Amino acid sequence: QVQLVESGGGLVQAGGSLRLSCAASGSIFMLNPMGWYRQAPGKQRELVATINISSSTNYADSVKGRFTISRDNAKNTVYLQMNSLKPEDTAVYYCAYIVAAGRYVWGQGTQVTVSS
């Protein structure tokens, strides 16, 4: 079974940067799209960014131009580079392996807190 291990979350001041990493076990998962999602207290989990096998990417409007999703297939790792962070970016960030539309394998989640 695919397993995802996340790292890189933490506390940062507004305007700063963080880089999240998601290391995956299993080779088949790299044929499927991967994504980053986030969830703040009292809110629905929302899409941040996705990347597919051809490296085509998609971003939420709220992070476009500030966040970059990328992958290193040799390391079975997906990254989320977050720049110009804002307090409203504060949330638990989840890595996801997209099995099919509406079906996901989730990482454990990592807390990102942006202070003003």
Protein backbone atom coordinates (compact mmCIF):
# COMPACT_ATOMS: atom_id res chain seq x y z
CA GLN A 1 0.00 0.00 0.00
CA VAL A 2 1.15 3.54 -0.72
CA GLN A 3 2.39 5.42 2.36
CA LEU A 4 3.20 9.12 2.56
CA VAL A 5 5.56 10.76 5.07
CA GLU A 6 5.56 14.55 5.32
CA SER A 7 8.08 16.99 6.76
CA GLY A 8 8.93 20.69 6.71
CA GLY A 9 6.04 22.30 8.54
CA GLY A 10 6.58 24.84 11.28
CA LEU A 11 6.22 28.43 12.41
CA VAL A 12 7.25 31.31 10.18
CA GLN A 13 6.64 35.06 10.07
CA ALA A 14 4.58 36.68 7.33
CA GLY A 15 6.63 37.14 4.19
CA GLY A 16 8.81 34.15 4.96
CA SER A 17 9.18 30.80 3.22
CA LEU A 18 8.79 27.11 3.97
CA ARG A 19 9.40 23.99 1.92
CA LEU A 20 7.20 20.95 2.54
CA SER A 21 8.31 17.48 1.49
CA CYS A 22 6.26 14.33 0.95
CA ALA A 23 8.17 11.06 0.62
CA ALA A 24 6.18 8.16 -0.81
CA SER A 25 6.75 4.42 -0.72
CA GLY A 26 5.84 2.43 -3.81
CA SER A 27 6.62 3.13 -7.45
CA ILE A 28 3.17 2.89 -9.00
CA PHE A 29 1.96 6.00 -7.19
CA MET A 30 4.28 8.17 -9.29
CA LEU A 31 2.15 7.39 -12.34
CA ASN A 32 -0.76 9.14 -10.71
CA PRO A 33 -1.32 12.80 -9.87
CA MET A 34 -0.16 14.08 -6.48
CA GLY A 35 -1.47 17.03 -4.57
CA TRP A 36 -1.23 19.29 -1.57
CA TYR A 37 -4.38 20.23 0.35
CA ARG A 38 -4.93 22.26 3.50
CA GLN A 39 -7.52 22.55 6.23
CA ALA A 40 -8.00 25.29 8.80
CA PRO A 41 -10.21 24.88 11.92
CA GLY A 42 -13.90 25.10 11.03
CA LYS A 43 -13.21 25.04 7.31
CA GLN A 44 -13.40 22.43 4.56
CA ARG A 45 -10.25 20.84 3.25
CA GLU A 46 -9.25 22.73 0.12
CA LEU A 47 -7.00 22.18 -2.86
CA VAL A 48 -3.65 23.97 -2.82
CA ALA A 49 -1.89 22.46 -5.84
CA THR A 50 -1.67 19.30 -7.96
CA ILE A 51 0.93 17.85 -10.30
CA ASN A 52 0.53 14.97 -12.76
CA ILE A 53 2.92 12.55 -14.47
CA SER A 54 3.66 15.00 -17.27
CA SER A 55 4.43 17.73 -14.69
CA SER A 56 1.32 19.69 -15.56
CA THR A 57 0.34 21.74 -12.49
CA ASN A 58 -2.76 23.36 -11.11
CA TYR A 59 -2.99 25.92 -8.28
CA ALA A 60 -5.66 27.49 -6.17
CA ASP A 61 -6.07 31.17 -7.00
CA SER A 62 -5.14 32.08 -3.43
CA VAL A 63 -1.61 30.65 -3.77
CA LYS A 64 -0.87 31.17 -7.46
CA GLY A 65 2.41 33.00 -7.95
CA ARG A 66 3.55 32.29 -4.39
CA PHE A 67 3.59 28.48 -4.11
CA THR A 68 5.29 25.97 -6.40
CA ILE A 69 4.62 22.23 -6.50
CA SER A 70 7.32 19.97 -7.92
CA ARG A 71 8.44 16.36 -7.83
CA ASP A 72 11.58 14.26 -7.90
CA ASN A 73 10.60 10.87 -9.29
CA ALA A 74 13.99 9.31 -8.49
CA LYS A 75 13.37 10.07 -4.81
CA ASN A 76 9.61 9.40 -4.89
CA THR A 77 9.16 12.82 -3.34
CA VAL A 78 6.80 15.73 -3.95
CA TYR A 79 7.56 19.24 -2.70
CA LEU A 80 5.63 22.39 -2.00
CA GLN A 81 7.74 25.54 -1.96
CA MET A 82 5.82 28.28 -0.17
CA ASN A 83 7.02 31.87 -0.52
CA SER A 84 5.59 35.21 0.61
CA LEU A 85 3.55 33.44 3.27
CA LYS A 86 0.50 35.16 4.72
CA PRO A 87 -1.35 34.56 8.02
CA GLU A 88 -4.31 33.18 6.03
CA ASP A 89 -2.04 30.36 4.82
CA THR A 90 -2.09 28.95 8.37
CA ALA A 91 -3.53 25.42 8.24
CA VAL A 92 -2.73 21.75 8.44
CA TYR A 93 -1.25 20.76 5.10
CA TYR A 94 -1.85 17.28 3.70
CA CYS A 95 -0.02 15.45 0.94
CA ALA A 96 -2.26 13.26 -1.22
CA TYR A 97 -1.89 10.46 -3.73
CA ILE A 98 -4.85 10.74 -6.07
CA VAL A 99 -6.04 7.21 -6.79
CA ALA A 100 -8.97 8.37 -8.91
CA ALA A 101 -11.46 11.20 -8.94
CA GLY A 102 -12.67 11.54 -5.36
CA ARG A 103 -10.34 8.84 -3.98
CA TYR A 104 -7.17 9.76 -2.09
CA VAL A 105 -4.38 8.33 0.03
CA TRP A 106 -3.47 10.99 2.59
CA GLY A 107 -0.34 11.83 4.51
CA GLN A 108 -0.53 12.46 8.25
CA GLY A 109 -0.67 16.23 7.87
CA THR A 110 1.81 18.88 8.98
CA GLN A 111 1.03 22.16 10.72
CA VAL A 112 2.01 25.43 9.04
CA THR A 113 1.58 28.55 11.15
CA VAL A 114 2.25 32.03 9.76
CA SER A 115 2.45 34.88 12.27
CA SER A 116 1.98 38.56 11.50
